[in-house]
Amino acid sequence: MREQGMASFLALALMLVLTVLGLSCLLFAGNSRQMTAEYQREVQLDLAAAGALEHVAQEACCDPAALQQNDLSHLYEEERLTAFGPLTLRVAGRQAAGYIELTAVAHEQHDARWQRHRAVRGILVEKEGGYVWLGRIL
C-alpha cells in the first residue's frame, strides 16, 4: 500500500514539474513574439525617418534654391495613418560652416502614456552653388 502511495506521489510531482515547464515555455514564446514585434516596429520607424531624410536630401540636391528659401527648422512634415496608429514625420536642418545637418524624426503615439520615436541624422555639404548628400551619420 505504501509503494502505491509513493508511486502516486511521484507521478503527481512529475506532472506538476511538467506543467510548470510547459507554462514557462508558453511565457517564453509569448515574450519572444512580443519582443520581435517591438523590434520590427522600431525598424519600421527608423526606415520611415530615413525615408523622410532622403526625401529632403533629394529635393535639396535637385533644387538648392528651395532649401535656401525655406526655414530650416521646418523642412518637411507629414502625417500617416498606419496599422499601429498615427505616424508623424518631421525633418529639420541646422546650418553650419559649409554644410547643413538634417535631422528626421518619426513619432508614433499609441495612447496618452505610450509614445515611440526614432531620429536619424544626415549631412548635406555645400558644393559649387548646390548641395551634395553625404548620407546618414550616427
Protein backbone atom coordinates (compact mmCIF):
# COMPACT_ATOMS: atom_id res chain seq x y z
CA MET A 1 0.00 0.00 0.00
CA ARG A 2 2.83 2.37 0.82
CA GLU A 3 4.51 1.70 -2.52
CA GLN A 4 1.32 2.64 -4.38
CA GLY A 5 1.08 5.89 -2.43
CA MET A 6 4.69 6.69 -3.17
CA ALA A 7 4.19 5.95 -6.89
CA SER A 8 1.11 8.19 -6.98
CA PHE A 9 3.03 10.96 -5.22
CA LEU A 10 5.94 10.69 -7.68
CA ALA A 11 3.56 10.70 -10.65
CA LEU A 12 1.79 13.78 -9.28
CA ALA A 13 5.13 15.55 -8.65
CA LEU A 14 6.28 14.72 -12.18
CA MET A 15 3.03 16.07 -13.63
CA LEU A 16 3.49 19.28 -11.60
CA VAL A 17 7.06 19.70 -12.88
CA LEU A 18 5.95 19.12 -16.48
CA THR A 19 3.08 21.61 -16.08
CA VAL A 20 5.42 24.29 -14.75
CA LEU A 21 7.87 23.58 -17.56
CA GLY A 22 5.10 23.82 -20.16
CA LEU A 23 3.82 27.12 -18.74
CA SER A 24 7.31 28.61 -18.70
CA CYS A 25 7.76 27.61 -22.37
CA LEU A 26 4.47 29.34 -23.23
CA LEU A 27 5.52 32.50 -21.39
CA PHE A 28 8.91 32.47 -23.09
CA ALA A 29 7.33 32.07 -26.54
CA GLY A 30 4.86 34.90 -25.83
CA ASN A 31 7.64 37.24 -24.67
CA SER A 32 9.77 36.37 -27.69
CA ARG A 33 6.89 37.15 -30.03
CA GLN A 34 6.28 40.48 -28.31
CA MET A 35 9.98 41.43 -28.43
CA THR A 36 10.10 40.54 -32.13
CA ALA A 37 7.08 42.74 -32.84
CA GLU A 38 8.64 45.63 -30.87
CA TYR A 39 11.90 45.31 -32.77
CA GLN A 40 10.06 45.18 -36.09
CA ARG A 41 8.18 48.39 -35.18
CA GLU A 42 11.43 50.13 -34.20
CA VAL A 43 12.98 49.17 -37.56
CA GLN A 44 9.90 50.44 -39.41
CA LEU A 45 10.12 53.78 -37.57
CA ASP A 46 13.83 54.01 -38.36
CA LEU A 47 13.16 53.35 -42.04
CA ALA A 48 10.33 55.90 -42.13
CA ALA A 49 12.60 58.58 -40.62
CA ALA A 50 15.42 57.65 -43.01
CA GLY A 51 12.99 57.87 -45.94
CA ALA A 52 11.91 61.37 -44.93
CA LEU A 53 15.56 62.38 -44.56
CA GLU A 54 16.40 61.00 -48.02
CA HIS A 55 13.37 62.81 -49.49
CA VAL A 56 14.54 66.19 -48.21
CA ALA A 57 18.14 65.48 -49.29
CA GLN A 58 16.96 64.57 -52.80
CA GLU A 59 14.94 67.78 -53.05
CA ALA A 60 17.90 69.83 -51.82
CA CYS A 61 20.26 68.26 -54.34
CA CYS A 62 17.80 68.80 -57.21
CA ASP A 63 16.75 72.33 -56.23
CA PRO A 64 19.26 74.03 -53.87
CA ALA A 65 17.39 77.34 -54.03
CA ALA A 66 14.31 75.80 -52.42
CA LEU A 67 16.34 74.75 -49.38
CA GLN A 68 17.89 78.19 -49.02
CA GLN A 69 14.48 79.89 -49.16
CA ASN A 70 12.82 77.62 -46.59
CA ASP A 71 13.01 77.85 -42.83
CA LEU A 72 15.48 75.12 -41.86
CA SER A 73 13.55 74.30 -38.68
CA HIS A 74 10.56 73.03 -40.73
CA LEU A 75 11.78 71.40 -43.93
CA TYR A 76 9.30 68.54 -44.11
CA GLU A 77 6.28 67.34 -42.16
CA GLU A 78 3.89 64.52 -42.95
CA GLU A 79 1.27 62.55 -41.05
CA ARG A 80 0.39 58.99 -42.00
CA LEU A 81 -2.16 56.62 -40.58
CA THR A 82 -0.62 53.20 -40.00
CA ALA A 83 -1.90 49.96 -38.52
CA PHE A 84 -0.22 50.98 -35.26
CA GLY A 85 -1.77 54.46 -35.15
CA PRO A 86 -0.85 57.93 -36.44
CA LEU A 87 2.75 58.42 -37.54
CA THR A 88 4.27 61.90 -37.81
CA LEU A 89 7.42 62.52 -39.83
CA ARG A 90 9.39 65.74 -39.41
CA VAL A 91 12.68 66.93 -40.86
CA ALA A 92 14.61 69.96 -39.64
CA GLY A 93 18.03 71.32 -40.52
CA ARG A 94 20.81 73.24 -38.84
CA GLN A 95 23.20 75.43 -40.83
CA ALA A 96 26.88 75.09 -40.03
CA ALA A 97 30.07 76.22 -41.78
CA GLY A 98 29.90 74.62 -45.21
CA TYR A 99 27.20 72.07 -44.52
CA ILE A 100 23.66 71.53 -43.30
CA GLU A 101 22.91 68.88 -40.70
CA LEU A 102 19.46 67.34 -41.23
CA THR A 103 17.52 65.54 -38.51
CA ALA A 104 14.44 63.45 -39.25
CA VAL A 105 12.11 62.14 -36.55
CA ALA A 106 9.40 59.51 -36.91
CA HIS A 107 6.99 59.83 -33.98
CA GLU A 108 4.19 57.45 -33.11
CA GLN A 109 1.75 57.77 -30.22
CA HIS A 110 -0.32 54.77 -29.15
CA ASP A 111 -2.12 56.46 -26.28
CA ALA A 112 -1.54 59.18 -23.69
CA ARG A 113 1.02 57.07 -21.83
CA TRP A 114 2.97 55.36 -24.62
CA GLN A 115 4.98 57.12 -27.32
CA ARG A 116 7.66 55.82 -29.63
CA HIS A 117 10.04 57.70 -31.89
CA ARG A 118 13.20 57.29 -33.90
CA ALA A 119 15.55 60.03 -35.06
CA VAL A 120 18.13 59.87 -37.84
CA ARG A 121 20.63 62.49 -38.96
CA GLY A 122 22.46 63.23 -42.17
CA ILE A 123 24.79 65.78 -43.75
CA LEU A 124 24.37 67.95 -46.86
CA VAL A 125 27.62 69.61 -47.94
CA GLU A 126 27.56 72.88 -49.89
CA LYS A 127 29.46 72.47 -53.13
CA GLU A 128 29.59 74.73 -56.22
CA GLY A 129 26.31 76.51 -55.52
CA GLY A 130 24.45 73.31 -54.67
CA TYR A 131 24.43 70.50 -52.15
CA VAL A 132 25.92 67.03 -52.07
CA TRP A 133 24.33 64.39 -49.88
CA LEU A 134 26.95 62.62 -47.77
CA GLY A 135 24.44 60.29 -46.10
CA ARG A 136 23.37 59.37 -42.62
CA ILE A 137 25.54 59.99 -39.58
CA LEU A 138 25.42 58.36 -36.18
